Amino acid sequence: MRQVDYQEIVETVAQMAVAANIKLPLDVEQAINQAAQKESNDLGRYVLKQICLNQAIAEKEEMPLCQDTGSAVVFVELGQETQIQGGLLDDAINAGVAKGYREGYLRKSMTHPWLRQNTGDNTPAIIHLRLVAGDCCRLTIAPKGGGAENMSALAMLPPSAGLPGIKDFVRQTVIKAGPNPCPPLVIGVGVGGNFEKAPLLAKTALIRPLGQPSPDPEVAALEQELLAEINQLNIGPQGFGGQTTALAVHIEIFPCHIASLPVAVNLNCHVSRHVTFEL
C-alpha cells in the first residue's frame, strides 16, 4: 500500500491552482496562435492577436489570464492501492485551493447560492473522484469561469431525436450563447448516461488534449462535423465575427436508458485552463 501525505496534496494543489490561472496549456496556446494566422476576418484576427498578447503578459508578469479565476474543479484518479496519510483527500484539496487562491492573489468567487455570501477562499472545490487500478494519485485542476459555465446546457431529448437532435442541440446552444462565453470556445459534449452523467461527461471532455479526436471513429467524425458547422456561424472571436468560433469540439458518450437521450454541452472560453500533476 502506497501512502501519500496530506500536506503534499495541499501544497501541490495550491501550486496547480496558481499555475492553471497564469499560463494556458501548450495545446490551447498553440491552437489560438494558429487560429490567429488563419482567421480571415480582420477584426476577428485582431482579437485573436490581442488574446495571444494577453497570454504572454500574464505569463511574464505571473498574473491571471482572466479576472474570473473560476470555481476550482478538481479531477482525481486515485489508485486502489493508495492511502492518504494525515487527513481526508477532500480536506487536503480544499486546503490547497484556499492556499493557492490566497497566496496567488486569485479572485475568490464561491458564494452561498442565494444569500450570495462569499466563502472567502474559493472553496469548496468541485471534486470528481475516480478509483483506478494501481497506486497512482493523479490530480487535474480546471478553474472554470462563470460566463462560459452559465451558457452551458442540458437536454433530456426523446430517443426519437437521434443524431440529428443531438447535433441541433449542440448548435443551438452555441448560437444562443453568442459572444457571452468569450469565444473562441472549447466545447465539451456529453451524450448518454442519465441526468447527472451527461454533464460530467461534457466536463471531462474539456480536459482532453485540445483537438485530440475521440478513439471512436464515428464520434471523432461527429466532432469534426460539428466543429466545421459551428465555425460557419460567424460568431467569431469574442463575438466580432469570423470563422474561429470554436477551437475544438470534444464528445464523450455513454450508454443510456432506452427511454432517454441525455445531451449536455459544457462551454469553455478561450482561457481553457487545466493543469495535471501526478504525485
Protein backbone atom coordinates (compact mmCIF):
# COMPACT_ATOMS: atom_id res chain seq x y z
CA MET A 1 0.00 0.00 0.00
CA ARG A 2 1.47 3.33 -1.10
CA GLN A 3 0.94 6.32 1.18
CA VAL A 4 0.55 9.91 0.02
CA ASP A 5 0.96 12.64 2.61
CA TYR A 6 -1.96 15.02 3.22
CA GLN A 7 0.28 18.09 3.25
CA GLU A 8 1.89 17.11 -0.03
CA ILE A 9 -1.54 17.20 -1.64
CA VAL A 10 -2.25 20.61 -0.08
CA GLU A 11 0.98 22.12 -1.43
CA THR A 12 0.60 20.52 -4.86
CA VAL A 13 -2.99 21.70 -5.34
CA ALA A 14 -2.03 25.22 -4.22
CA GLN A 15 0.73 25.39 -6.83
CA MET A 16 -1.53 23.93 -9.52
CA ALA A 17 -4.28 26.46 -8.80
CA VAL A 18 -1.89 29.34 -9.38
CA ALA A 19 -0.19 27.77 -12.42
CA ALA A 20 -3.51 27.00 -14.12
CA ASN A 21 -4.60 30.61 -13.82
CA ILE A 22 -1.47 32.27 -15.20
CA LYS A 23 -0.49 30.02 -18.12
CA LEU A 24 -2.57 28.22 -20.71
CA PRO A 25 -1.78 24.61 -21.57
CA LEU A 26 0.55 24.46 -24.56
CA ASP A 27 -2.06 22.78 -26.76
CA VAL A 28 -4.56 25.60 -26.18
CA GLU A 29 -1.91 28.29 -26.67
CA GLN A 30 -0.80 26.76 -29.96
CA ALA A 31 -4.38 26.44 -31.19
CA ILE A 32 -5.09 30.12 -30.55
CA ASN A 33 -1.85 31.18 -32.25
CA GLN A 34 -2.70 29.03 -35.28
CA ALA A 35 -6.21 30.46 -35.40
CA ALA A 36 -4.77 33.98 -35.39
CA GLN A 37 -2.77 33.12 -38.51
CA LYS A 38 -5.73 31.57 -40.33
CA GLU A 39 -8.58 33.92 -39.40
CA SER A 40 -9.72 35.85 -42.48
CA ASN A 41 -11.95 38.36 -40.67
CA ASP A 42 -9.83 41.44 -39.89
CA LEU A 43 -11.48 42.23 -36.56
CA GLY A 44 -11.53 38.57 -35.56
CA ARG A 45 -7.84 38.26 -36.37
CA TYR A 46 -7.07 41.39 -34.33
CA VAL A 47 -8.95 39.99 -31.33
CA LEU A 48 -7.07 36.69 -31.53
CA LYS A 49 -3.74 38.54 -31.61
CA GLN A 50 -4.81 40.52 -28.54
CA ILE A 51 -5.63 37.23 -26.81
CA CYS A 52 -2.14 35.97 -27.66
CA LEU A 53 -0.63 39.18 -26.27
CA ASN A 54 -2.67 38.84 -23.08
CA GLN A 55 -1.34 35.30 -22.63
CA ALA A 56 2.24 36.48 -23.00
CA ILE A 57 1.78 39.31 -20.50
CA ALA A 58 0.05 37.04 -17.97
CA GLU A 59 2.87 34.50 -18.12
CA LYS A 60 5.63 37.11 -17.93
CA GLU A 61 4.05 39.09 -15.08
CA GLU A 62 2.72 35.95 -13.33
CA MET A 63 -0.77 37.42 -13.30
CA PRO A 64 -4.13 35.74 -14.01
CA LEU A 65 -5.08 35.27 -17.64
CA CYS A 66 -8.58 36.46 -16.74
CA GLN A 67 -10.08 38.35 -13.81
CA ASP A 68 -12.50 35.43 -13.37
CA THR A 69 -10.24 32.80 -11.85
CA GLY A 70 -13.12 30.39 -11.71
CA SER A 71 -14.55 27.75 -9.48
CA ALA A 72 -11.92 25.11 -8.71
CA VAL A 73 -12.91 21.91 -10.49
CA VAL A 74 -10.61 19.06 -9.50
CA PHE A 75 -10.46 15.63 -11.12
CA VAL A 76 -8.75 12.90 -9.10
CA GLU A 77 -7.61 9.50 -10.31
CA LEU A 78 -6.75 7.57 -7.17
CA GLY A 79 -5.25 4.09 -7.24
CA GLN A 80 -6.95 1.46 -5.09
CA GLU A 81 -3.56 0.74 -3.53
CA THR A 82 -3.06 4.35 -2.43
CA GLN A 83 -3.79 5.65 1.06
CA ILE A 84 -3.95 9.31 2.07
CA GLN A 85 -1.97 9.73 5.27
CA GLY A 86 -2.72 12.51 7.74
CA GLY A 87 -6.24 13.52 6.75
CA LEU A 88 -9.05 13.27 4.22
CA LEU A 89 -8.49 13.74 0.49
CA ASP A 90 -11.32 16.28 0.11
CA ASP A 91 -9.98 18.32 3.03
CA ALA A 92 -6.47 18.35 1.51
CA ILE A 93 -7.79 19.52 -1.87
CA ASN A 94 -9.88 22.28 -0.30
CA ALA A 95 -6.96 23.41 1.86
CA GLY A 96 -4.79 23.53 -1.27
CA VAL A 97 -7.34 25.56 -3.20
CA ALA A 98 -7.67 28.03 -0.30
CA LYS A 99 -3.89 28.38 -0.02
CA GLY A 100 -3.35 28.79 -3.76
CA TYR A 101 -6.11 31.36 -4.24
CA ARG A 102 -4.92 33.32 -1.19
CA GLU A 103 -1.18 33.29 -1.93
CA GLY A 104 -1.67 33.72 -5.68
CA TYR A 105 -3.99 36.73 -5.18
CA LEU A 106 -6.65 34.99 -7.25
CA ARG A 107 -10.26 36.16 -7.14
CA LYS A 108 -12.45 34.24 -4.72
CA SER A 109 -15.78 33.58 -6.42
CA MET A 110 -17.60 30.89 -4.41
CA THR A 111 -20.72 32.09 -2.62
CA HIS A 112 -23.82 30.76 -0.88
CA PRO A 113 -26.26 30.08 -3.74
CA TRP A 114 -28.94 32.63 -2.79
CA LEU A 115 -27.58 34.62 0.16
CA ARG A 116 -24.54 35.41 -2.04
CA GLN A 117 -22.20 35.40 0.95
CA ASN A 118 -18.67 34.75 -0.29
CA THR A 119 -16.89 31.79 1.33
CA GLY A 120 -13.72 33.91 1.29
CA ASP A 121 -11.23 31.36 -0.05
CA ASN A 122 -12.79 29.95 -3.24
CA THR A 123 -13.76 26.73 -1.52
CA PRO A 124 -15.36 24.30 -1.58
CA ALA A 125 -13.77 22.84 -4.67
CA ILE A 126 -15.88 20.72 -7.01
CA ILE A 127 -14.21 17.32 -6.80
CA HIS A 128 -14.66 14.35 -9.13
CA LEU A 129 -13.00 11.18 -7.84
CA ARG A 130 -12.35 8.07 -9.90
CA LEU A 131 -10.84 4.94 -8.38
CA VAL A 132 -8.39 3.19 -10.70
CA ALA A 133 -6.03 0.25 -10.53
CA GLY A 134 -2.57 0.62 -9.02
CA ASP A 135 -1.13 3.17 -6.62
CA CYS A 136 -1.32 6.45 -8.53
CA CYS A 137 -2.60 9.81 -7.34
CA ARG A 138 -3.22 11.98 -10.39
CA LEU A 139 -4.74 15.43 -9.94
CA THR A 140 -6.15 17.75 -12.60
CA ILE A 141 -7.35 21.22 -11.66
CA ALA A 142 -9.51 23.06 -14.17
CA PRO A 143 -10.63 26.53 -12.97
CA LYS A 144 -13.98 27.19 -14.64
CA GLY A 145 -15.19 30.73 -15.24
CA GLY A 146 -18.79 31.70 -14.66
CA GLY A 147 -19.50 33.32 -18.03
CA ALA A 148 -18.94 30.19 -20.11
CA GLU A 149 -20.47 27.92 -17.48
CA ASN A 150 -23.67 30.00 -17.50
CA MET A 151 -24.10 29.36 -21.22
CA SER A 152 -23.82 25.58 -20.85
CA ALA A 153 -26.94 23.45 -21.18
CA LEU A 154 -28.52 20.05 -20.59
CA ALA A 155 -31.37 18.48 -22.54
CA MET A 156 -33.26 15.25 -21.92
CA LEU A 157 -34.13 14.54 -25.53
CA PRO A 158 -36.58 11.85 -26.64
CA PRO A 159 -34.73 8.88 -28.16
CA SER A 160 -36.52 9.63 -31.45
CA ALA A 161 -34.46 12.83 -31.74
CA GLY A 162 -31.46 10.65 -32.60
CA LEU A 163 -28.24 12.02 -34.01
CA PRO A 164 -29.94 14.97 -35.79
CA GLY A 165 -31.40 16.08 -32.47
CA ILE A 166 -28.02 15.83 -30.75
CA LYS A 167 -26.33 17.93 -33.44
CA ASP A 168 -29.10 20.52 -33.43
CA PHE A 169 -28.97 20.89 -29.65
CA VAL A 170 -25.19 21.48 -29.71
CA ARG A 171 -25.51 24.07 -32.49
CA GLN A 172 -28.42 25.85 -30.85
CA THR A 173 -26.58 26.02 -27.53
CA VAL A 174 -23.65 27.78 -29.23
CA ILE A 175 -25.96 30.10 -31.16
CA LYS A 176 -27.88 31.04 -28.02
CA ALA A 177 -24.61 31.65 -26.16
CA GLY A 178 -23.31 34.03 -28.84
CA PRO A 179 -20.42 36.15 -27.51
CA ASN A 180 -21.26 35.59 -23.81
CA PRO A 181 -18.86 32.67 -23.16
CA CYS A 182 -15.90 34.59 -24.67
CA PRO A 183 -15.14 32.61 -27.82
CA PRO A 184 -13.18 31.02 -29.37
CA LEU A 185 -14.63 28.14 -27.40
CA VAL A 186 -13.66 24.66 -26.42
CA ILE A 187 -16.91 22.71 -26.49
CA GLY A 188 -17.40 19.64 -24.33
CA VAL A 189 -20.34 17.42 -25.20
CA GLY A 190 -21.64 14.52 -23.13
CA VAL A 191 -24.14 12.14 -24.70
CA GLY A 192 -25.84 9.35 -22.79
CA GLY A 193 -25.82 8.13 -19.23
CA ASN A 194 -28.54 9.93 -17.30
CA PHE A 195 -29.39 13.36 -15.87
CA GLU A 196 -26.17 13.69 -13.84
CA LYS A 197 -23.82 11.61 -16.01
CA ALA A 198 -24.14 13.60 -19.25
CA PRO A 199 -22.87 16.90 -17.76
CA LEU A 200 -19.95 15.09 -16.13
CA LEU A 201 -19.06 13.56 -19.49
CA ALA A 202 -19.16 17.04 -21.03
CA LYS A 203 -16.97 18.50 -18.29
CA THR A 204 -14.48 15.65 -18.60
CA ALA A 205 -14.32 16.20 -22.36
CA LEU A 206 -12.95 19.70 -21.76
CA ILE A 207 -9.70 18.41 -20.23
CA ARG A 208 -8.87 16.13 -23.15
CA PRO A 209 -5.81 17.42 -25.04
CA LEU A 210 -7.13 20.03 -27.44
CA GLY A 211 -8.16 18.58 -30.77
CA GLN A 212 -7.26 15.01 -29.82
CA PRO A 213 -10.02 13.02 -31.54
CA SER A 214 -12.24 10.52 -29.80
CA PRO A 215 -10.89 6.95 -30.10
CA ASP A 216 -14.28 6.02 -31.58
CA PRO A 217 -14.07 6.83 -35.33
CA GLU A 218 -17.79 7.62 -35.56
CA VAL A 219 -17.60 10.04 -32.63
CA ALA A 220 -14.39 11.58 -34.00
CA ALA A 221 -16.13 12.24 -37.31
CA LEU A 222 -19.03 13.89 -35.47
CA GLU A 223 -16.59 16.13 -33.58
CA GLN A 224 -15.10 17.38 -36.84
CA GLU A 225 -18.51 17.82 -38.45
CA LEU A 226 -19.81 19.92 -35.56
CA LEU A 227 -16.61 21.97 -35.36
CA ALA A 228 -16.87 22.86 -39.05
CA GLU A 229 -20.56 23.78 -38.75
CA ILE A 230 -20.03 25.88 -35.61
CA ASN A 231 -17.18 27.77 -37.23
CA GLN A 232 -19.53 28.74 -40.08
CA LEU A 233 -21.88 30.55 -37.66
CA ASN A 234 -19.79 33.75 -37.95
CA ILE A 235 -19.86 34.41 -34.20
CA GLY A 236 -16.08 34.56 -34.21
CA PRO A 237 -13.55 35.63 -31.58
CA GLN A 238 -15.33 37.46 -28.74
CA GLY A 239 -18.39 37.67 -30.98
CA PHE A 240 -16.83 40.06 -33.52
CA GLY A 241 -17.28 37.74 -36.48
CA GLY A 242 -15.05 35.28 -38.29
CA GLN A 243 -14.57 31.56 -38.67
CA THR A 244 -12.95 30.93 -35.28
CA THR A 245 -15.97 30.46 -33.03
CA ALA A 246 -14.56 27.22 -31.58
CA LEU A 247 -11.10 25.72 -31.28
CA ALA A 248 -12.37 22.17 -30.74
CA VAL A 249 -15.42 20.03 -30.09
CA HIS A 250 -14.80 17.08 -27.78
CA ILE A 251 -17.54 14.46 -27.34
CA GLU A 252 -17.78 11.71 -24.72
CA ILE A 253 -20.52 9.09 -24.90
CA PHE A 254 -22.05 6.55 -22.50
CA PRO A 255 -24.89 4.03 -22.84
CA CYS A 256 -28.27 5.30 -21.70
CA HIS A 257 -31.75 4.04 -20.82
CA ILE A 258 -33.96 3.03 -23.74
CA ALA A 259 -36.42 5.82 -22.84
CA SER A 260 -33.82 8.60 -22.62
CA LEU A 261 -31.31 10.57 -24.65
CA PRO A 262 -29.45 12.96 -22.33
CA VAL A 263 -27.20 15.53 -24.02
CA ALA A 264 -25.06 18.09 -22.18
CA VAL A 265 -22.98 20.90 -23.65
CA ASN A 266 -20.33 22.44 -21.42
CA LEU A 267 -18.78 25.53 -22.99
CA ASN A 268 -15.30 26.72 -22.10
CA CYS A 269 -13.99 30.14 -23.06
CA HIS A 270 -10.68 30.63 -24.86
CA VAL A 271 -9.00 30.64 -21.42
CA SER A 272 -9.33 26.85 -21.31
CA ARG A 273 -7.32 26.27 -18.14
CA HIS A 274 -6.22 22.94 -16.75
CA VAL A 275 -3.10 21.51 -15.14
CA THR A 276 -2.38 17.84 -14.38
CA PHE A 277 0.16 16.54 -11.87
CA GLU A 278 0.85 13.03 -10.60
CA LEU A 279 2.10 12.60 -7.05
